[in-house]
Structure formats: C-alpha cells, structure tokens
Amino acid sequence: MDNPNREGPAEIALVGDLTEKEHDLCDKLLAVEPGGDCILYIDSLGGSPYCAMALTTLIRLRGLHATAVVAGECSSAALWPFAACRRRLVTPYSVLLFHKIKWQSEENVALEEAAQWAQHFGKLETAMDRLLAELLDVPADTIATWVDAGRYMTGLELAKAGLAELVELKPLDFAQKA
C-alpha cells in the first residue's frame, strides 16, 4: 500500500490482535478510494468487538470491493471484517472460531458500572450476531448455534456451507517470473 506506483488492488494484512493495529488498519482502509478494490489477508485471533465494527463499517459504508483471504486464522472479532467482504477465500487449512463476546476491564469499577457493562455487552453480542448472519447470508439461528458451541470451522467446512470459496495451495513456478 505504501508504493503509489503499485498496480492492482490495495493489499492489507489483518494479522494478530486487530485492536492493537486498529489505527493503522483504519488508515489503510481509508486510503482505498470509496468503491475501490482491496484484498484483506487475514490471520487474526480477533480483538475488540468495537474494532471489528469500525473495520466492518469502513468496508461497507465506503462500498469497498473487498476480498478476504484467510491465510491462517480468522476468529472472534476478525469474523466481521471477513463477512463484510464481497468475496471470501479460504484454504483447506484456514480456521475460523465463532464464540460469545468476552469482555474485561482492567480498571476498578463499581458494581453498578459492571452490571451496566454486562447488559451492554449482552445487547451488543445479540446485535453483532444478527449482523454477522446478515453479512454471511445465513439464518441467525445458524450463527447462534455456532457461537453457543464455540465452534471451530475449517476453510473446507465454510466453503461447503457456501460461505466462502475454497482455494488450493499450489507451489509457484518461479522460473516463469524470471
């Protein structure tokens, strides 16, 4: 993305904890013209649900023609940007984890505030699960079943469910590039 002379879609790596790289990832998505093409290479354990929503919002509201490629893991909060992409590619070795939202506070909070946080996260989780079902075009009950079970899925399983395209890993012929 840093080379202005580079041709083709912008390539953005969503790797590791998304929350730690949220500023950089948002900047990279904002660098893609509205309606433009980009490829998101995903190997992420997730992160904050708010970060997931920020990335998803940028992809959808800016009308990006995004392609997701699950290069390794796409779990937890990383599922929303993945689902927001118009095209989704997985390998037989890709792994995706659907689970309930987990939250924590490292600050001392009063019982009343903790109770409000718990209510907020309950509502947020329900809304985000509905959005995930809508983005993936599957029944909300399907997502609820996967989330409640803490379901791991392989790329092959996701492709068989019709939610992504399966691509095989094949060695490159470097001789042709010389």
C-alpha atoms as a PDB file:
ATOM      1  CA  MET A   1       0.000   0.000   0.000  1.00  0.00           C
ATOM      2  CA  ASP A   2       2.905   2.361   0.578  1.00  0.00           C
ATOM      3  CA  ASN A   3       4.031   2.256  -3.075  1.00  0.00           C
ATOM      4  CA  PRO A   4       1.895   4.731  -5.072  1.00  0.00           C
ATOM      5  CA  ASN A   5       3.154   3.241  -8.383  1.00  0.00           C
ATOM      6  CA  ARG A   6       1.933  -0.242  -7.496  1.00  0.00           C
ATOM      7  CA  GLU A   7      -0.841  -1.523  -9.740  1.00  0.00           C
ATOM      8  CA  GLY A   8      -3.757  -3.673  -8.684  1.00  0.00           C
ATOM      9  CA  PRO A   9      -5.910  -3.674  -5.584  1.00  0.00           C
ATOM     10  CA  ALA A  10      -4.594  -2.458  -2.253  1.00  0.00           C
ATOM     11  CA  GLU A  11      -3.364  -5.333  -0.093  1.00  0.00           C
ATOM     12  CA  ILE A  12      -3.929  -5.093   3.653  1.00  0.00           C
ATOM     13  CA  ALA A  13      -2.793  -7.597   6.279  1.00  0.00           C
ATOM     14  CA  LEU A  14      -5.129  -8.151   9.242  1.00  0.00           C
ATOM     15  CA  VAL A  15      -2.697 -10.090  11.406  1.00  0.00           C
ATOM     16  CA  GLY A  16      -2.661 -10.731  15.144  1.00  0.00           C
ATOM     17  CA  ASP A  17      -4.820  -8.801  17.590  1.00  0.00           C
ATOM     18  CA  LEU A  18      -6.818  -6.322  15.495  1.00  0.00           C
ATOM     19  CA  THR A  19      -7.246  -3.929  18.416  1.00  0.00           C
ATOM     20  CA  GLU A  20      -3.504  -3.321  18.667  1.00  0.00           C
ATOM     21  CA  LYS A  21      -3.409  -2.293  14.982  1.00  0.00           C
ATOM     22  CA  GLU A  22      -6.812  -0.585  14.690  1.00  0.00           C
ATOM     23  CA  HIS A  23      -5.442   2.868  13.840  1.00  0.00           C
ATOM     24  CA  ASP A  24      -3.165   1.519  11.110  1.00  0.00           C
ATOM     25  CA  LEU A  25      -5.870  -0.769   9.676  1.00  0.00           C
ATOM     26  CA  CYS A  26      -8.430   2.049   9.565  1.00  0.00           C
ATOM     27  CA  ASP A  27      -5.877   4.308   7.840  1.00  0.00           C
ATOM     28  CA  LYS A  28      -5.174   1.631   5.244  1.00  0.00           C
ATOM     29  CA  LEU A  29      -8.878   1.102   4.539  1.00  0.00           C
ATOM     30  CA  LEU A  30      -9.391   4.881   4.284  1.00  0.00           C
ATOM     31  CA  ALA A  31      -6.547   5.029   1.745  1.00  0.00           C
ATOM     32  CA  VAL A  32      -8.646   2.869  -0.615  1.00  0.00           C
ATOM     33  CA  GLU A  33     -10.899   5.075  -2.740  1.00  0.00           C
ATOM     34  CA  PRO A  34     -14.617   4.733  -1.976  1.00  0.00           C
ATOM     35  CA  GLY A  35     -15.849   1.893  -4.179  1.00  0.00           C
ATOM     36  CA  GLY A  36     -12.260   0.761  -4.722  1.00  0.00           C
ATOM     37  CA  ASP A  37     -10.770  -2.718  -4.652  1.00  0.00           C
ATOM     38  CA  CYS A  38      -8.705  -4.217  -1.844  1.00  0.00           C
ATOM     39  CA  ILE A  39      -7.596  -7.598  -0.589  1.00  0.00           C
ATOM     40  CA  LEU A  40      -7.576  -8.341   3.135  1.00  0.00           C
ATOM     41  CA  TYR A  41      -5.187 -11.122   4.116  1.00  0.00           C
ATOM     42  CA  ILE A  42      -6.413 -12.418   7.469  1.00  0.00           C
ATOM     43  CA  ASP A  43      -4.511 -14.301  10.146  1.00  0.00           C
ATOM     44  CA  SER A  44      -6.101 -12.962  13.296  1.00  0.00           C
ATOM     45  CA  LEU A  45      -7.323 -14.256  16.625  1.00  0.00           C
ATOM     46  CA  GLY A  46      -9.685 -11.253  16.745  1.00  0.00           C
ATOM     47  CA  GLY A  47      -9.731  -8.401  19.219  1.00  0.00           C
ATOM     48  CA  SER A  48     -12.222  -5.825  20.403  1.00  0.00           C
ATOM     49  CA  PRO A  49     -15.775  -6.023  19.049  1.00  0.00           C
ATOM     50  CA  TYR A  50     -15.604  -2.239  18.615  1.00  0.00           C
ATOM     51  CA  CYS A  51     -12.551  -2.586  16.384  1.00  0.00           C
ATOM     52  CA  ALA A  52     -14.404  -5.257  14.385  1.00  0.00           C
ATOM     53  CA  MET A  53     -17.334  -2.893  13.913  1.00  0.00           C
ATOM     54  CA  ALA A  54     -15.065   0.003  12.890  1.00  0.00           C
ATOM     55  CA  LEU A  55     -13.388  -2.077  10.180  1.00  0.00           C
ATOM     56  CA  THR A  56     -16.707  -3.554   9.024  1.00  0.00           C
ATOM     57  CA  THR A  57     -18.271  -0.092   8.902  1.00  0.00           C
ATOM     58  CA  LEU A  58     -15.438   1.296   6.764  1.00  0.00           C
ATOM     59  CA  ILE A  59     -15.657  -1.610   4.324  1.00  0.00           C
ATOM     60  CA  ARG A  60     -19.437  -1.483   3.964  1.00  0.00           C
ATOM     61  CA  LEU A  61     -20.223   2.245   4.117  1.00  0.00           C
ATOM     62  CA  ARG A  62     -17.394   3.130   1.738  1.00  0.00           C
ATOM     63  CA  GLY A  63     -18.630   0.469  -0.714  1.00  0.00           C
ATOM     64  CA  LEU A  64     -15.237  -1.225  -0.921  1.00  0.00           C
ATOM     65  CA  HIS A  65     -14.923  -4.176  -3.263  1.00  0.00           C
ATOM     66  CA  ALA A  66     -13.030  -6.137  -0.652  1.00  0.00           C
ATOM     67  CA  THR A  67     -11.805  -9.704  -0.997  1.00  0.00           C
ATOM     68  CA  ALA A  68     -10.922 -11.586   2.181  1.00  0.00           C
ATOM     69  CA  VAL A  69      -8.257 -14.270   2.084  1.00  0.00           C
ATOM     70  CA  VAL A  70      -7.991 -16.329   5.266  1.00  0.00           C
ATOM     71  CA  ALA A  71      -4.295 -17.092   5.224  1.00  0.00           C
ATOM     72  CA  GLY A  72      -4.395 -18.770   8.633  1.00  0.00           C
ATOM     73  CA  GLU A  73      -6.867 -17.997  11.397  1.00  0.00           C
ATOM     74  CA  CYS A  74      -9.961 -15.805  11.262  1.00  0.00           C
ATOM     75  CA  SER A  75     -11.508 -15.900  14.699  1.00  0.00           C
ATOM     76  CA  SER A  76     -13.678 -13.895  17.015  1.00  0.00           C
ATOM     77  CA  ALA A  77     -13.776 -10.194  16.056  1.00  0.00           C
ATOM     78  CA  ALA A  78     -11.944 -10.891  12.763  1.00  0.00           C
ATOM     79  CA  LEU A  79     -15.108 -12.628  11.520  1.00  0.00           C
ATOM     80  CA  TRP A  80     -16.935  -9.327  10.958  1.00  0.00           C
ATOM     81  CA  PRO A  81     -14.469  -7.718   8.522  1.00  0.00           C
ATOM     82  CA  PHE A  82     -14.219 -11.123   6.812  1.00  0.00           C
ATOM     83  CA  ALA A  83     -18.009 -11.305   6.472  1.00  0.00           C
ATOM     84  CA  ALA A  84     -18.165  -7.680   5.232  1.00  0.00           C
ATOM     85  CA  CYS A  85     -16.086  -8.593   2.182  1.00  0.00           C
ATOM     86  CA  ARG A  86     -17.850  -9.177  -1.124  1.00  0.00           C
ATOM     87  CA  ARG A  87     -15.628 -12.167  -1.887  1.00  0.00           C
ATOM     88  CA  ARG A  88     -14.243 -14.590   0.697  1.00  0.00           C
ATOM     89  CA  LEU A  89     -11.434 -17.058   0.005  1.00  0.00           C
ATOM     90  CA  VAL A  90     -10.287 -19.834   2.335  1.00  0.00           C
ATOM     91  CA  THR A  91      -7.863 -22.721   2.082  1.00  0.00           C
ATOM     92  CA  PRO A  92      -8.479 -26.214   3.436  1.00  0.00           C
ATOM     93  CA  TYR A  93      -6.162 -25.179   6.299  1.00  0.00           C
ATOM     94  CA  SER A  94      -7.968 -21.970   7.256  1.00  0.00           C
ATOM     95  CA  VAL A  95      -9.526 -21.981  10.726  1.00  0.00           C
ATOM     96  CA  LEU A  96     -12.429 -19.859  11.930  1.00  0.00           C
ATOM     97  CA  LEU A  97     -13.747 -19.643  15.501  1.00  0.00           C
ATOM     98  CA  PHE A  98     -17.243 -18.459  16.378  1.00  0.00           C
ATOM     99  CA  HIS A  99     -17.750 -17.724  20.099  1.00  0.00           C
ATOM    100  CA  LYS A 100     -19.527 -15.465  22.550  1.00  0.00           C
ATOM    101  CA  ILE A 101     -18.082 -11.984  23.111  1.00  0.00           C
ATOM    102  CA  LYS A 102     -15.661 -11.831  26.013  1.00  0.00           C
ATOM    103  CA  TRP A 103     -15.048  -8.607  27.867  1.00  0.00           C
ATOM    104  CA  GLN A 104     -12.811  -7.480  30.618  1.00  0.00           C
ATOM    105  CA  SER A 105     -11.942  -4.338  32.466  1.00  0.00           C
ATOM    106  CA  GLU A 106      -8.539  -3.734  33.908  1.00  0.00           C
ATOM    107  CA  GLU A 107      -9.811  -0.825  35.943  1.00  0.00           C
ATOM    108  CA  ASN A 108     -11.520  -0.861  39.315  1.00  0.00           C
ATOM    109  CA  VAL A 109     -15.203  -0.384  38.620  1.00  0.00           C
ATOM    110  CA  ALA A 110     -18.218  -0.165  40.866  1.00  0.00           C
ATOM    111  CA  LEU A 111     -20.753  -2.980  40.865  1.00  0.00           C
ATOM    112  CA  GLU A 112     -23.339  -0.758  39.162  1.00  0.00           C
ATOM    113  CA  GLU A 113     -20.960   0.037  36.289  1.00  0.00           C
ATOM    114  CA  ALA A 114     -20.034  -3.625  35.899  1.00  0.00           C
ATOM    115  CA  ALA A 115     -23.730  -4.518  35.747  1.00  0.00           C
ATOM    116  CA  GLN A 116     -24.290  -1.888  33.043  1.00  0.00           C
ATOM    117  CA  TRP A 117     -21.311  -3.223  31.080  1.00  0.00           C
ATOM    118  CA  ALA A 118     -22.736  -6.737  31.276  1.00  0.00           C
ATOM    119  CA  GLN A 119     -26.116  -5.526  29.966  1.00  0.00           C
ATOM    120  CA  HIS A 120     -24.419  -3.513  27.218  1.00  0.00           C
ATOM    121  CA  PHE A 121     -22.319  -6.461  26.083  1.00  0.00           C
ATOM    122  CA  GLY A 122     -25.360  -8.744  26.063  1.00  0.00           C
ATOM    123  CA  LYS A 123     -27.168  -6.358  23.720  1.00  0.00           C
ATOM    124  CA  LEU A 124     -24.022  -5.788  21.644  1.00  0.00           C
ATOM    125  CA  GLU A 125     -23.458  -9.515  21.250  1.00  0.00           C
ATOM    126  CA  THR A 126     -27.025 -10.092  20.053  1.00  0.00           C
ATOM    127  CA  ALA A 127     -26.841  -7.228  17.554  1.00  0.00           C
ATOM    128  CA  MET A 128     -23.418  -8.288  16.262  1.00  0.00           C
ATOM    129  CA  ASP A 129     -24.516 -11.898  15.830  1.00  0.00           C
ATOM    130  CA  ARG A 130     -27.532 -10.715  13.804  1.00  0.00           C
ATOM    131  CA  LEU A 131     -25.219  -8.560  11.668  1.00  0.00           C
ATOM    132  CA  LEU A 132     -22.832 -11.482  11.129  1.00  0.00           C
ATOM    133  CA  ALA A 133     -25.743 -13.661   9.992  1.00  0.00           C
ATOM    134  CA  GLU A 134     -26.888 -10.905   7.629  1.00  0.00           C
ATOM    135  CA  LEU A 135     -23.406 -10.353   6.169  1.00  0.00           C
ATOM    136  CA  LEU A 136     -22.873 -14.089   5.645  1.00  0.00           C
ATOM    137  CA  ASP A 137     -26.451 -14.511   4.415  1.00  0.00           C
ATOM    138  CA  VAL A 138     -27.236 -17.361   6.810  1.00  0.00           C
ATOM    139  CA  PRO A 139     -30.077 -17.759   9.292  1.00  0.00           C
ATOM    140  CA  ALA A 140     -29.455 -16.086  12.653  1.00  0.00           C
ATOM    141  CA  ASP A 141     -30.147 -19.458  14.307  1.00  0.00           C
ATOM    142  CA  THR A 142     -27.162 -20.948  12.474  1.00  0.00           C
ATOM    143  CA  ILE A 143     -24.816 -18.273  13.819  1.00  0.00           C
ATOM    144  CA  ALA A 144     -26.336 -18.636  17.305  1.00  0.00           C
ATOM    145  CA  THR A 145     -25.699 -22.396  17.225  1.00  0.00           C
ATOM    146  CA  TRP A 146     -22.070 -21.892  16.174  1.00  0.00           C
ATOM    147  CA  VAL A 147     -21.474 -19.127  18.729  1.00  0.00           C
ATOM    148  CA  ASP A 148     -23.096 -21.008  21.607  1.00  0.00           C
ATOM    149  CA  ALA A 149     -20.955 -24.070  20.850  1.00  0.00           C
ATOM    150  CA  GLY A 150     -17.714 -22.080  20.469  1.00  0.00           C
ATOM    151  CA  ARG A 151     -17.488 -23.671  17.029  1.00  0.00           C
ATOM    152  CA  TYR A 152     -14.216 -24.046  15.162  1.00  0.00           C
ATOM    153  CA  MET A 153     -14.673 -24.451  11.415  1.00  0.00           C
ATOM    154  CA  THR A 154     -12.140 -25.283   8.750  1.00  0.00           C
ATOM    155  CA  GLY A 155     -11.993 -23.474   5.451  1.00  0.00           C
ATOM    156  CA  LEU A 156     -13.316 -26.634   3.814  1.00  0.00           C
ATOM    157  CA  GLU A 157     -16.370 -26.654   6.103  1.00  0.00           C
ATOM    158  CA  LEU A 158     -17.023 -22.967   5.454  1.00  0.00           C
ATOM    159  CA  ALA A 159     -16.771 -23.486   1.697  1.00  0.00           C
ATOM    160  CA  LYS A 160     -19.108 -26.496   1.848  1.00  0.00           C
ATOM    161  CA  ALA A 161     -21.596 -24.272   3.701  1.00  0.00           C
ATOM    162  CA  GLY A 162     -21.411 -21.887   0.729  1.00  0.00           C
ATOM    163  CA  LEU A 163     -19.945 -19.015   2.762  1.00  0.00           C
ATOM    164  CA  ALA A 164     -16.555 -18.806   1.035  1.00  0.00           C
ATOM    165  CA  GLU A 165     -14.624 -20.048  -1.979  1.00  0.00           C
ATOM    166  CA  LEU A 166     -12.087 -22.793  -1.410  1.00  0.00           C
ATOM    167  CA  VAL A 167      -8.662 -22.244  -2.962  1.00  0.00           C
ATOM    168  CA  GLU A 168      -5.926 -24.851  -3.011  1.00  0.00           C
ATOM    169  CA  LEU A 169      -2.343 -24.048  -2.126  1.00  0.00           C
ATOM    170  CA  LYS A 170      -0.143 -24.792  -5.093  1.00  0.00           C
ATOM    171  CA  PRO A 171       3.567 -24.117  -5.440  1.00  0.00           C
ATOM    172  CA  LEU A 172       4.501 -21.143  -7.576  1.00  0.00           C
ATOM    173  CA  ASP A 173       6.627 -21.688 -10.660  1.00  0.00           C
ATOM    174  CA  PHE A 174       9.334 -19.105 -10.031  1.00  0.00           C
ATOM    175  CA  ALA A 175      11.022 -19.919 -13.362  1.00  0.00           C
ATOM    176  CA  GLN A 176       8.168 -18.216 -15.233  1.00  0.00           C
ATOM    177  CA  LYS A 177       8.807 -14.949 -13.389  1.00  0.00           C
ATOM    178  CA  ALA A 178      12.475 -14.732 -14.399  1.00  0.00           C
END
